[in-house]
Amino acid sequence: MPDTTQAHSIADLPAQKAAAPASAAEGRARYFNTGNAFNVQLPPVPDHAFADEPARALDPATPTGLIPCDISGVLGCDFPATSPFVLARYARIRAGEELAVNFIASGVVHYVIAGSGITVSGDETVNWQAGDVFVTPGDSGQTHRAGDSDAVLWIVTNEPQLAFERSQNPLPGAAPTGVVHYPAAEIDRQIALIYQVGRGEEIAGSALIFSSDMQEASRNVLPTLTVAMNSLPAGVVQRPHRHNSVAVSLVIRGKGCFSMIDGRRKDWSPWATTITPPVSVHSHHNAGDEQALFLIIQDGGLFYHARAMGFEFVDA
């Protein structure tokens, strides 16, 4: 029998084992209760901004390679992570050079910060330039090649999600996305359409949401990842709100812009990757004289599918 002499409540009990396991499978069993099973304490997702990483990626002296936005130590993860389910990286590719990658992920989201080039994914090729967004499936690797000048990409995956589940890449042909390309000119046209039509105050901002033929029903780019290009005109404030998903954002254009996260001001810096923690009350402010743009990746698909996004405005 287990020693319970020091237990004043079932909450004090350690994990219990079978008293007399008759097999190896029975011996692996562990038993908890309503007092000790739901008190797992994990480090919170921080309100954080990565500024050194984009500076390195944009430095001409930096060689071809990847620069991760990794706070796994802060999160208590044993795998690289920007948030519990998302990993962002900067990739610098010198002119004429190649960068081959093969991430363990369902798919990969890319934004072209600088330069132009091509990406080969399976039997498809994407010709990209600054301002483009493109997605590649996780059932094969990719080879990125820069053109006549150095290129910098922002690359985001759901690797932490698969690492948490100890999953592998999708089988060939089973990835939840194909190769999808959103050229900069078309992104601009779609954003202009949003402002031409207009919206009511009950709609949260003027963001362009990226999806594909395979993910059209979910409005996502991957089953668990939501990607949006948010825009904020000069002098405009996006209403305070909160949601259960984490937001990992790339500042594309935002001079004089800042966010308020649970009452704390966070100033934007060029090409920074920022983290907005889950359930935090946050708002975005454009005190500059030009439209701001920031690309947002959220693990929103998880919460939409669980019927637990928890979005709400929180006006003072």
C-alpha atoms as a PDB file:
ATOM      1  CA  MET A   1       0.000   0.000   0.000  1.00  0.00           C
ATOM      2  CA  PRO A   2       1.293   3.561  -0.698  1.00  0.00           C
ATOM      3  CA  ASP A   3       2.459   5.673   2.216  1.00  0.00           C
ATOM      4  CA  THR A   4      -0.279   8.230   2.931  1.00  0.00           C
ATOM      5  CA  THR A   5       0.788   9.241   6.450  1.00  0.00           C
ATOM      6  CA  GLN A   6       1.918  12.693   5.313  1.00  0.00           C
ATOM      7  CA  ALA A   7      -1.145  13.363   3.144  1.00  0.00           C
ATOM      8  CA  HIS A   8      -3.711  15.718   4.673  1.00  0.00           C
ATOM      9  CA  SER A   9      -5.667  15.842   1.411  1.00  0.00           C
ATOM     10  CA  ILE A  10      -5.756  13.969  -1.869  1.00  0.00           C
ATOM     11  CA  ALA A  11      -4.007  17.052  -3.273  1.00  0.00           C
ATOM     12  CA  ASP A  12      -0.895  16.023  -1.290  1.00  0.00           C
ATOM     13  CA  LEU A  13      -0.638  12.582  -2.877  1.00  0.00           C
ATOM     14  CA  PRO A  14       2.141  11.927  -5.390  1.00  0.00           C
ATOM     15  CA  ALA A  15       1.474   9.971  -8.585  1.00  0.00           C
ATOM     16  CA  GLN A  16       0.222   6.500  -7.674  1.00  0.00           C
ATOM     17  CA  LYS A  17       1.274   3.186  -9.224  1.00  0.00           C
ATOM     18  CA  ALA A  18      -0.393  -0.211  -9.414  1.00  0.00           C
ATOM     19  CA  ALA A  19       0.017  -2.144  -6.170  1.00  0.00           C
ATOM     20  CA  ALA A  20       0.853  -5.407  -7.916  1.00  0.00           C
ATOM     21  CA  PRO A  21       1.253  -4.940 -11.675  1.00  0.00           C
ATOM     22  CA  ALA A  22       0.781  -8.180 -13.567  1.00  0.00           C
ATOM     23  CA  SER A  23       2.398  -6.890 -16.762  1.00  0.00           C
ATOM     24  CA  ALA A  24       4.787  -4.237 -18.035  1.00  0.00           C
ATOM     25  CA  ALA A  25       1.797  -2.338 -19.408  1.00  0.00           C
ATOM     26  CA  GLU A  26       0.149  -2.256 -15.974  1.00  0.00           C
ATOM     27  CA  GLY A  27       3.435  -1.127 -14.474  1.00  0.00           C
ATOM     28  CA  ARG A  28       3.501   1.936 -16.708  1.00  0.00           C
ATOM     29  CA  ALA A  29       0.166   3.185 -15.383  1.00  0.00           C
ATOM     30  CA  ARG A  30       0.081   6.272 -13.144  1.00  0.00           C
ATOM     31  CA  TYR A  31      -2.944   7.521 -11.203  1.00  0.00           C
ATOM     32  CA  PHE A  32      -3.848  11.078 -10.173  1.00  0.00           C
ATOM     33  CA  ASN A  33      -6.996  12.601  -8.661  1.00  0.00           C
ATOM     34  CA  THR A  34      -9.041  15.786  -8.781  1.00  0.00           C
ATOM     35  CA  GLY A  35      -6.812  17.355  -6.137  1.00  0.00           C
ATOM     36  CA  ASN A  36      -3.399  16.869  -7.751  1.00  0.00           C
ATOM     37  CA  ALA A  37      -4.081  16.444 -11.483  1.00  0.00           C
ATOM     38  CA  PHE A  38      -5.102  20.001 -12.356  1.00  0.00           C
ATOM     39  CA  ASN A  39      -2.455  22.042 -10.539  1.00  0.00           C
ATOM     40  CA  VAL A  40       0.287  21.847 -13.163  1.00  0.00           C
ATOM     41  CA  GLN A  41       2.177  25.152 -13.082  1.00  0.00           C
ATOM     42  CA  LEU A  42       3.881  26.174 -16.327  1.00  0.00           C
ATOM     43  CA  PRO A  43       5.913  29.334 -16.973  1.00  0.00           C
ATOM     44  CA  PRO A  44       3.714  32.037 -18.552  1.00  0.00           C
ATOM     45  CA  VAL A  45       4.168  33.174 -22.138  1.00  0.00           C
ATOM     46  CA  PRO A  46       6.057  36.474 -21.817  1.00  0.00           C
ATOM     47  CA  ASP A  47       5.325  39.838 -23.397  1.00  0.00           C
ATOM     48  CA  HIS A  48       8.529  39.828 -25.422  1.00  0.00           C
ATOM     49  CA  ALA A  49      10.147  41.413 -28.488  1.00  0.00           C
ATOM     50  CA  PHE A  50      13.058  40.051 -30.516  1.00  0.00           C
ATOM     51  CA  ALA A  51      15.151  42.957 -31.844  1.00  0.00           C
ATOM     52  CA  ASP A  52      18.702  41.543 -31.950  1.00  0.00           C
ATOM     53  CA  GLU A  53      17.690  38.680 -34.238  1.00  0.00           C
ATOM     54  CA  PRO A  54      16.437  40.867 -37.132  1.00  0.00           C
ATOM     55  CA  ALA A  55      19.480  43.125 -36.731  1.00  0.00           C
ATOM     56  CA  ARG A  56      21.717  40.092 -37.250  1.00  0.00           C
ATOM     57  CA  ALA A  57      19.633  38.892 -40.190  1.00  0.00           C
ATOM     58  CA  LEU A  58      19.914  42.283 -41.913  1.00  0.00           C
ATOM     59  CA  ASP A  59      23.650  42.665 -41.204  1.00  0.00           C
ATOM     60  CA  PRO A  60      25.606  42.209 -44.481  1.00  0.00           C
ATOM     61  CA  ALA A  61      28.339  40.383 -42.529  1.00  0.00           C
ATOM     62  CA  THR A  62      25.971  37.609 -41.437  1.00  0.00           C
ATOM     63  CA  PRO A  63      26.489  34.381 -43.409  1.00  0.00           C
ATOM     64  CA  THR A  64      23.752  32.319 -44.992  1.00  0.00           C
ATOM     65  CA  GLY A  65      21.794  30.549 -42.265  1.00  0.00           C
ATOM     66  CA  LEU A  66      18.917  30.576 -39.803  1.00  0.00           C
ATOM     67  CA  ILE A  67      18.481  32.776 -36.718  1.00  0.00           C
ATOM     68  CA  PRO A  68      15.798  31.410 -34.360  1.00  0.00           C
ATOM     69  CA  CYS A  69      13.591  33.456 -32.042  1.00  0.00           C
ATOM     70  CA  ASP A  70      13.933  30.902 -29.274  1.00  0.00           C
ATOM     71  CA  ILE A  71      12.763  31.366 -25.672  1.00  0.00           C
ATOM     72  CA  SER A  72      12.369  27.684 -24.876  1.00  0.00           C
ATOM     73  CA  GLY A  73      14.262  28.205 -21.609  1.00  0.00           C
ATOM     74  CA  VAL A  74      11.755  30.826 -20.493  1.00  0.00           C
ATOM     75  CA  LEU A  75       8.820  28.638 -21.538  1.00  0.00           C
ATOM     76  CA  GLY A  76      10.230  25.511 -19.936  1.00  0.00           C
ATOM     77  CA  CYS A  77      10.209  23.613 -23.249  1.00  0.00           C
ATOM     78  CA  ASP A  78      12.827  21.022 -24.200  1.00  0.00           C
ATOM     79  CA  PHE A  79      12.572  22.058 -27.872  1.00  0.00           C
ATOM     80  CA  PRO A  80      13.089  25.447 -29.607  1.00  0.00           C
ATOM     81  CA  ALA A  81       9.986  27.628 -29.359  1.00  0.00           C
ATOM     82  CA  THR A  82       8.844  31.224 -29.729  1.00  0.00           C
ATOM     83  CA  SER A  83       5.502  30.347 -28.159  1.00  0.00           C
ATOM     84  CA  PRO A  84       4.253  26.950 -26.978  1.00  0.00           C
ATOM     85  CA  PHE A  85       3.123  25.938 -30.486  1.00  0.00           C
ATOM     86  CA  VAL A  86       5.014  28.339 -32.817  1.00  0.00           C
ATOM     87  CA  LEU A  87       8.664  28.861 -33.797  1.00  0.00           C
ATOM     88  CA  ALA A  88       9.781  31.921 -35.767  1.00  0.00           C
ATOM     89  CA  ARG A  89      13.142  32.315 -37.472  1.00  0.00           C
ATOM     90  CA  TYR A  90      14.952  34.797 -39.668  1.00  0.00           C
ATOM     91  CA  ALA A  91      16.824  33.376 -42.649  1.00  0.00           C
ATOM     92  CA  ARG A  92      19.640  35.264 -44.349  1.00  0.00           C
ATOM     93  CA  ILE A  93      20.664  33.986 -47.770  1.00  0.00           C
ATOM     94  CA  ARG A  94      23.616  35.636 -49.440  1.00  0.00           C
ATOM     95  CA  ALA A  95      23.404  36.529 -53.118  1.00  0.00           C
ATOM     96  CA  GLY A  96      23.582  33.442 -55.308  1.00  0.00           C
ATOM     97  CA  GLU A  97      23.692  31.070 -52.329  1.00  0.00           C
ATOM     98  CA  GLU A  98      21.261  28.359 -51.262  1.00  0.00           C
ATOM     99  CA  LEU A  99      19.727  27.413 -47.920  1.00  0.00           C
ATOM    100  CA  ALA A 100      18.246  23.919 -47.660  1.00  0.00           C
ATOM    101  CA  VAL A 101      15.812  23.211 -44.789  1.00  0.00           C
ATOM    102  CA  ASN A 102      13.551  20.360 -43.748  1.00  0.00           C
ATOM    103  CA  PHE A 103      11.525  21.319 -40.687  1.00  0.00           C
ATOM    104  CA  ILE A 104       9.426  18.800 -38.741  1.00  0.00           C
ATOM    105  CA  ALA A 105       6.209  20.756 -39.215  1.00  0.00           C
ATOM    106  CA  SER A 106       2.814  20.532 -40.875  1.00  0.00           C
ATOM    107  CA  GLY A 107       3.776  23.473 -43.076  1.00  0.00           C
ATOM    108  CA  VAL A 108       5.968  26.562 -43.249  1.00  0.00           C
ATOM    109  CA  VAL A 109       4.938  30.231 -43.546  1.00  0.00           C
ATOM    110  CA  HIS A 110       7.380  32.679 -45.175  1.00  0.00           C
ATOM    111  CA  TYR A 111       7.491  36.467 -45.490  1.00  0.00           C
ATOM    112  CA  VAL A 112      10.110  38.086 -47.724  1.00  0.00           C
ATOM    113  CA  ILE A 113      11.734  40.964 -45.843  1.00  0.00           C
ATOM    114  CA  ALA A 114      14.394  41.781 -48.442  1.00  0.00           C
ATOM    115  CA  GLY A 115      15.711  40.583 -51.777  1.00  0.00           C
ATOM    116  CA  SER A 116      14.306  38.152 -54.306  1.00  0.00           C
ATOM    117  CA  GLY A 117      14.865  34.538 -55.207  1.00  0.00           C
ATOM    118  CA  ILE A 118      13.302  31.139 -55.678  1.00  0.00           C
ATOM    119  CA  THR A 119      12.161  28.346 -53.405  1.00  0.00           C
ATOM    120  CA  VAL A 120      11.881  24.751 -54.559  1.00  0.00           C
ATOM    121  CA  SER A 121       9.429  22.631 -52.579  1.00  0.00           C
ATOM    122  CA  GLY A 122       8.822  19.161 -53.971  1.00  0.00           C
ATOM    123  CA  ASP A 123       8.091  19.568 -57.666  1.00  0.00           C
ATOM    124  CA  GLU A 124       6.972  23.223 -57.391  1.00  0.00           C
ATOM    125  CA  THR A 125       8.947  26.463 -57.526  1.00  0.00           C
ATOM    126  CA  VAL A 126       8.006  29.842 -56.049  1.00  0.00           C
ATOM    127  CA  ASN A 127       9.601  32.982 -57.481  1.00  0.00           C
ATOM    128  CA  TRP A 128       9.474  35.504 -54.641  1.00  0.00           C
ATOM    129  CA  GLN A 129      10.346  39.128 -53.973  1.00  0.00           C
ATOM    130  CA  ALA A 130      10.152  41.571 -51.068  1.00  0.00           C
ATOM    131  CA  GLY A 131       6.675  41.774 -49.540  1.00  0.00           C
ATOM    132  CA  ASP A 132       5.524  38.346 -50.697  1.00  0.00           C
ATOM    133  CA  VAL A 133       4.023  35.716 -48.401  1.00  0.00           C
ATOM    134  CA  PHE A 134       4.209  32.044 -49.325  1.00  0.00           C
ATOM    135  CA  VAL A 135       3.450  28.723 -47.653  1.00  0.00           C
ATOM    136  CA  THR A 136       5.079  25.346 -48.241  1.00  0.00           C
ATOM    137  CA  PRO A 137       3.891  21.909 -47.079  1.00  0.00           C
ATOM    138  CA  GLY A 138       5.669  19.997 -44.352  1.00  0.00           C
ATOM    139  CA  ASP A 139       5.840  16.707 -46.258  1.00  0.00           C
ATOM    140  CA  SER A 140       9.118  17.684 -47.936  1.00  0.00           C
ATOM    141  CA  GLY A 141      12.049  20.016 -47.456  1.00  0.00           C
ATOM    142  CA  GLN A 142      12.681  23.299 -49.237  1.00  0.00           C
ATOM    143  CA  THR A 143      15.673  24.864 -50.937  1.00  0.00           C
ATOM    144  CA  HIS A 144      15.801  28.666 -50.948  1.00  0.00           C
ATOM    145  CA  ARG A 145      18.114  30.436 -53.403  1.00  0.00           C
ATOM    146  CA  ALA A 146      18.767  34.189 -53.348  1.00  0.00           C
ATOM    147  CA  GLY A 147      18.978  36.196 -56.531  1.00  0.00           C
ATOM    148  CA  ASP A 148      21.525  38.890 -57.369  1.00  0.00           C
ATOM    149  CA  SER A 149      21.342  40.468 -53.906  1.00  0.00           C
ATOM    150  CA  ASP A 150      21.193  39.142 -50.356  1.00  0.00           C
ATOM    151  CA  ALA A 151      17.760  37.989 -49.215  1.00  0.00           C
ATOM    152  CA  VAL A 152      16.134  37.876 -45.784  1.00  0.00           C
ATOM    153  CA  LEU A 153      13.077  35.763 -44.982  1.00  0.00           C
ATOM    154  CA  TRP A 154      10.902  35.485 -41.880  1.00  0.00           C
ATOM    155  CA  ILE A 155      10.006  31.810 -41.463  1.00  0.00           C
ATOM    156  CA  VAL A 156       7.363  30.459 -39.065  1.00  0.00           C
ATOM    157  CA  THR A 157       6.383  26.853 -38.349  1.00  0.00           C
ATOM    158  CA  ASN A 158       4.356  24.789 -35.907  1.00  0.00           C
ATOM    159  CA  GLU A 159       7.417  22.700 -34.980  1.00  0.00           C
ATOM    160  CA  PRO A 160       6.824  23.126 -31.223  1.00  0.00           C
ATOM    161  CA  GLN A 161       3.344  21.638 -31.623  1.00  0.00           C
ATOM    162  CA  LEU A 162       4.703  18.528 -33.333  1.00  0.00           C
ATOM    163  CA  ALA A 163       7.627  18.321 -30.889  1.00  0.00           C
ATOM    164  CA  PHE A 164       5.176  18.464 -27.974  1.00  0.00           C
ATOM    165  CA  GLU A 165       3.217  15.594 -29.504  1.00  0.00           C
ATOM    166  CA  ARG A 166       6.407  13.795 -30.618  1.00  0.00           C
ATOM    167  CA  SER A 167       4.990  13.741 -34.130  1.00  0.00           C
ATOM    168  CA  GLN A 168       6.815  13.653 -37.450  1.00  0.00           C
ATOM    169  CA  ASN A 169       6.371  15.351 -40.809  1.00  0.00           C
ATOM    170  CA  PRO A 170       3.219  14.457 -42.725  1.00  0.00           C
ATOM    171  CA  LEU A 171       3.616  11.550 -45.138  1.00  0.00           C
ATOM    172  CA  PRO A 172       4.277  12.578 -48.760  1.00  0.00           C
ATOM    173  CA  GLY A 173       1.061  13.941 -50.203  1.00  0.00           C
ATOM    174  CA  ALA A 174      -0.646  14.125 -46.796  1.00  0.00           C
ATOM    175  CA  ALA A 175       0.336  17.659 -45.749  1.00  0.00           C
ATOM    176  CA  PRO A 176      -2.629  19.931 -44.930  1.00  0.00           C
ATOM    177  CA  THR A 177      -1.478  22.511 -47.484  1.00  0.00           C
ATOM    178  CA  GLY A 178       0.067  22.684 -50.890  1.00  0.00           C
ATOM    179  CA  VAL A 179       2.471  25.367 -52.069  1.00  0.00           C
ATOM    180  CA  VAL A 180       0.588  28.677 -51.828  1.00  0.00           C
ATOM    181  CA  HIS A 181       1.919  32.076 -52.984  1.00  0.00           C
ATOM    182  CA  TYR A 182       0.533  35.501 -52.022  1.00  0.00           C
ATOM    183  CA  PRO A 183       2.429  38.139 -54.084  1.00  0.00           C
ATOM    184  CA  ALA A 184       2.987  41.577 -52.570  1.00  0.00           C
ATOM    185  CA  ALA A 185       0.956  43.353 -55.272  1.00  0.00           C
ATOM    186  CA  GLU A 186      -2.053  41.110 -54.643  1.00  0.00           C
ATOM    187  CA  ILE A 187      -1.727  41.598 -50.877  1.00  0.00           C
ATOM    188  CA  ASP A 188      -1.820  45.367 -51.422  1.00  0.00           C
ATOM    189  CA  ARG A 189      -4.888  45.023 -53.656  1.00  0.00           C
ATOM    190  CA  GLN A 190      -6.733  42.932 -51.091  1.00  0.00           C
ATOM    191  CA  ILE A 191      -5.916  45.372 -48.265  1.00  0.00           C
ATOM    192  CA  ALA A 192      -7.154  48.285 -50.395  1.00  0.00           C
ATOM    193  CA  LEU A 193     -10.423  46.393 -50.960  1.00  0.00           C
ATOM    194  CA  ILE A 194     -10.912  46.039 -47.203  1.00  0.00           C
ATOM    195  CA  TYR A 195     -10.673  49.819 -46.747  1.00  0.00           C
ATOM    196  CA  GLN A 196     -12.818  50.501 -49.809  1.00  0.00           C
ATOM    197  CA  VAL A 197     -15.682  48.403 -48.431  1.00  0.00           C
ATOM    198  CA  GLY A 198     -15.242  49.481 -44.802  1.00  0.00           C
ATOM    199  CA  ARG A 199     -16.273  47.796 -41.565  1.00  0.00           C
ATOM    200  CA  GLY A 200     -18.188  48.288 -38.358  1.00  0.00           C
ATOM    201  CA  GLU A 201     -16.655  48.741 -34.921  1.00  0.00           C
ATOM    202  CA  GLU A 202     -17.765  45.247 -33.934  1.00  0.00           C
ATOM    203  CA  ILE A 203     -15.090  43.877 -36.319  1.00  0.00           C
ATOM    204  CA  ALA A 204     -11.615  43.636 -34.767  1.00  0.00           C
ATOM    205  CA  GLY A 205      -9.367  45.735 -36.993  1.00  0.00           C
ATOM    206  CA  SER A 206      -8.751  45.709 -40.725  1.00  0.00           C
ATOM    207  CA  ALA A 207      -6.691  42.565 -41.193  1.00  0.00           C
ATOM    208  CA  LEU A 208      -6.248  40.495 -44.340  1.00  0.00           C
ATOM    209  CA  ILE A 209      -6.514  36.789 -43.465  1.00  0.00           C
ATOM    210  CA  PHE A 210      -4.545  34.306 -45.586  1.00  0.00           C
ATOM    211  CA  SER A 211      -5.971  30.903 -46.470  1.00  0.00           C
ATOM    212  CA  SER A 212      -5.928  28.409 -49.351  1.00  0.00           C
ATOM    213  CA  ASP A 213      -8.065  26.005 -51.312  1.00  0.00           C
ATOM    214  CA  MET A 214      -7.298  23.190 -48.856  1.00  0.00           C
ATOM    215  CA  GLN A 215      -7.956  25.303 -45.748  1.00  0.00           C
ATOM    216  CA  GLU A 216     -10.751  27.545 -47.038  1.00  0.00           C
ATOM    217  CA  ALA A 217     -13.353  26.090 -44.666  1.00  0.00           C
ATOM    218  CA  SER A 218     -11.196  26.896 -41.606  1.00  0.00           C
ATOM    219  CA  ARG A 219      -9.977  30.294 -42.917  1.00  0.00           C
ATOM    220  CA  ASN A 220      -6.447  29.271 -41.852  1.00  0.00           C
ATOM    221  CA  VAL A 221      -3.220  28.407 -43.688  1.00  0.00           C
ATOM    222  CA  LEU A 222      -2.679  25.321 -41.518  1.00  0.00           C
ATOM    223  CA  PRO A 223      -5.197  23.528 -39.296  1.00  0.00           C
ATOM    224  CA  THR A 224      -3.665  25.148 -36.210  1.00  0.00           C
ATOM    225  CA  LEU A 225      -2.097  28.357 -37.556  1.00  0.00           C
ATOM    226  CA  THR A 226      -3.881  31.575 -38.490  1.00  0.00           C
ATOM    227  CA  VAL A 227      -1.961  34.144 -40.565  1.00  0.00           C
ATOM    228  CA  ALA A 228      -3.084  37.746 -40.953  1.00  0.00           C
ATOM    229  CA  MET A 229      -1.634  40.973 -42.351  1.00  0.00           C
ATOM    230  CA  ASN A 230      -2.939  43.609 -39.960  1.00  0.00           C
ATOM    231  CA  SER A 231      -2.988  47.240 -41.018  1.00  0.00           C
ATOM    232  CA  LEU A 232      -3.464  50.354 -38.937  1.00  0.00           C
ATOM    233  CA  PRO A 233      -3.883  53.807 -40.508  1.00  0.00           C
ATOM    234  CA  ALA A 234      -2.013  56.800 -39.124  1.00  0.00           C
ATOM    235  CA  GLY A 235      -3.547  58.129 -35.930  1.00  0.00           C
ATOM    236  CA  VAL A 236      -5.753  55.071 -35.396  1.00  0.00           C
ATOM    237  CA  VAL A 237      -5.992  52.837 -32.315  1.00  0.00           C
ATOM    238  CA  GLN A 238      -7.162  49.236 -32.545  1.00  0.00           C
ATOM    239  CA  ARG A 239      -9.675  48.617 -29.748  1.00  0.00           C
ATOM    240  CA  PRO A 240      -8.421  46.782 -26.641  1.00  0.00           C
ATOM    241  CA  HIS A 241      -9.266  43.107 -26.831  1.00  0.00           C
ATOM    242  CA  ARG A 242      -8.103  39.682 -25.735  1.00  0.00           C
ATOM    243  CA  HIS A 243      -8.201  36.093 -26.932  1.00  0.00           C
ATOM    244  CA  ASN A 244      -6.879  32.715 -25.879  1.00  0.00           C
ATOM    245  CA  SER A 245      -4.421  32.326 -28.739  1.00  0.00           C
ATOM    246  CA  VAL A 246      -0.832  33.596 -28.639  1.00  0.00           C
ATOM    247  CA  ALA A 247       0.127  36.141 -31.328  1.00  0.00           C
ATOM    248  CA  VAL A 248       3.632  36.080 -32.836  1.00  0.00           C
ATOM    249  CA  SER A 249       3.991  39.161 -35.042  1.00  0.00           C
ATOM    250  CA  LEU A 250       6.494  40.641 -37.493  1.00  0.00           C
ATOM    251  CA  VAL A 251       6.655  44.453 -37.594  1.00  0.00           C
ATOM    252  CA  ILE A 252       6.784  45.327 -41.294  1.00  0.00           C
ATOM    253  CA  ARG A 253       6.048  49.052 -41.136  1.00  0.00           C
ATOM    254  CA  GLY A 254       5.252  50.935 -37.968  1.00  0.00           C
ATOM    255  CA  LYS A 255       7.195  54.119 -37.243  1.00  0.00           C
ATOM    256  CA  GLY A 256       5.724  55.766 -34.162  1.00  0.00           C
ATOM    257  CA  CYS A 257       3.660  52.674 -33.327  1.00  0.00           C
ATOM    258  CA  PHE A 258       3.315  50.808 -30.061  1.00  0.00           C
ATOM    259  CA  SER A 259       1.154  48.229 -28.325  1.00  0.00           C
ATOM    260  CA  MET A 260      -0.343  48.273 -24.857  1.00  0.00           C
ATOM    261  CA  ILE A 261      -0.151  44.823 -23.227  1.00  0.00           C
ATOM    262  CA  ASP A 262      -1.972  44.558 -19.891  1.00  0.00           C
ATOM    263  CA  GLY A 263      -1.311  48.244 -19.267  1.00  0.00           C
ATOM    264  CA  ARG A 264       2.369  48.162 -20.297  1.00  0.00           C
ATOM    265  CA  ARG A 265       3.605  50.012 -23.377  1.00  0.00           C
ATOM    266  CA  LYS A 266       5.672  48.080 -25.943  1.00  0.00           C
ATOM    267  CA  ASP A 267       7.217  50.201 -28.701  1.00  0.00           C
ATOM    268  CA  TRP A 268       7.644  48.653 -32.124  1.00  0.00           C
ATOM    269  CA  SER A 269      11.025  48.425 -33.844  1.00  0.00           C
ATOM    270  CA  PRO A 270      11.714  47.647 -37.530  1.00  0.00           C
ATOM    271  CA  TRP A 271      11.355  43.960 -38.415  1.00  0.00           C
ATOM    272  CA  ALA A 272      11.070  42.900 -34.767  1.00  0.00           C
ATOM    273  CA  THR A 273       9.267  39.695 -33.839  1.00  0.00           C
ATOM    274  CA  THR A 274       6.896  40.311 -30.951  1.00  0.00           C
ATOM    275  CA  ILE A 275       4.899  38.028 -28.669  1.00  0.00           C
ATOM    276  CA  THR A 276       1.467  38.941 -27.334  1.00  0.00           C
ATOM    277  CA  PRO A 277       0.633  36.535 -24.483  1.00  0.00           C
ATOM    278  CA  PRO A 278      -2.672  34.651 -24.397  1.00  0.00           C
ATOM    279  CA  VAL A 279      -5.634  36.286 -22.596  1.00  0.00           C
ATOM    280  CA  SER A 280      -3.683  39.544 -22.226  1.00  0.00           C
ATOM    281  CA  VAL A 281      -5.663  42.737 -22.816  1.00  0.00           C
ATOM    282  CA  HIS A 282      -3.904  44.458 -25.704  1.00  0.00           C
ATOM    283  CA  SER A 283      -4.369  47.297 -28.151  1.00  0.00           C
ATOM    284  CA  HIS A 284      -2.271  48.653 -31.029  1.00  0.00           C
ATOM    285  CA  HIS A 285      -1.594  52.366 -31.550  1.00  0.00           C
ATOM    286  CA  ASN A 286      -0.330  54.212 -34.626  1.00  0.00           C
ATOM    287  CA  ALA A 287       1.034  57.582 -33.535  1.00  0.00           C
ATOM    288  CA  GLY A 288       2.975  57.939 -36.797  1.00  0.00           C
ATOM    289  CA  ASP A 289       2.072  59.512 -40.126  1.00  0.00           C
ATOM    290  CA  GLU A 290       1.796  56.393 -42.340  1.00  0.00           C
ATOM    291  CA  GLN A 291      -0.176  53.182 -42.410  1.00  0.00           C
ATOM    292  CA  ALA A 292       1.336  50.479 -40.208  1.00  0.00           C
ATOM    293  CA  LEU A 293       1.631  46.851 -41.286  1.00  0.00           C
ATOM    294  CA  PHE A 294       2.386  43.794 -39.164  1.00  0.00           C
ATOM    295  CA  LEU A 295       2.094  40.114 -40.040  1.00  0.00           C
ATOM    296  CA  ILE A 296       0.493  38.048 -37.270  1.00  0.00           C
ATOM    297  CA  ILE A 297       0.777  34.299 -36.741  1.00  0.00           C
ATOM    298  CA  GLN A 298      -1.572  32.810 -34.132  1.00  0.00           C
ATOM    299  CA  ASP A 299      -2.209  29.292 -32.904  1.00  0.00           C
ATOM    300  CA  GLY A 300      -5.841  30.257 -33.393  1.00  0.00           C
ATOM    301  CA  GLY A 301      -6.805  27.116 -35.290  1.00  0.00           C
ATOM    302  CA  LEU A 302      -6.415  25.112 -32.092  1.00  0.00           C
ATOM    303  CA  PHE A 303      -8.858  27.327 -30.223  1.00  0.00           C
ATOM    304  CA  TYR A 304     -11.335  27.723 -33.073  1.00  0.00           C
ATOM    305  CA  HIS A 305     -11.559  23.950 -33.385  1.00  0.00           C
ATOM    306  CA  ALA A 306     -11.957  23.601 -29.601  1.00  0.00           C
ATOM    307  CA  ARG A 307     -14.686  26.303 -29.667  1.00  0.00           C
ATOM    308  CA  ALA A 308     -12.604  28.229 -27.154  1.00  0.00           C
ATOM    309  CA  MET A 309     -11.078  31.288 -28.882  1.00  0.00           C
ATOM    310  CA  GLY A 310     -12.494  33.558 -26.160  1.00  0.00           C
ATOM    311  CA  PHE A 311     -12.293  36.768 -28.206  1.00  0.00           C
ATOM    312  CA  GLU A 312     -13.788  39.833 -26.631  1.00  0.00           C
ATOM    313  CA  PHE A 313     -13.347  43.601 -26.654  1.00  0.00           C
ATOM    314  CA  VAL A 314     -12.223  45.050 -23.333  1.00  0.00           C
ATOM    315  CA  ASP A 315     -12.949  48.760 -23.479  1.00  0.00           C
ATOM    316  CA  ALA A 316     -12.046  50.852 -20.450  1.00  0.00           C
END
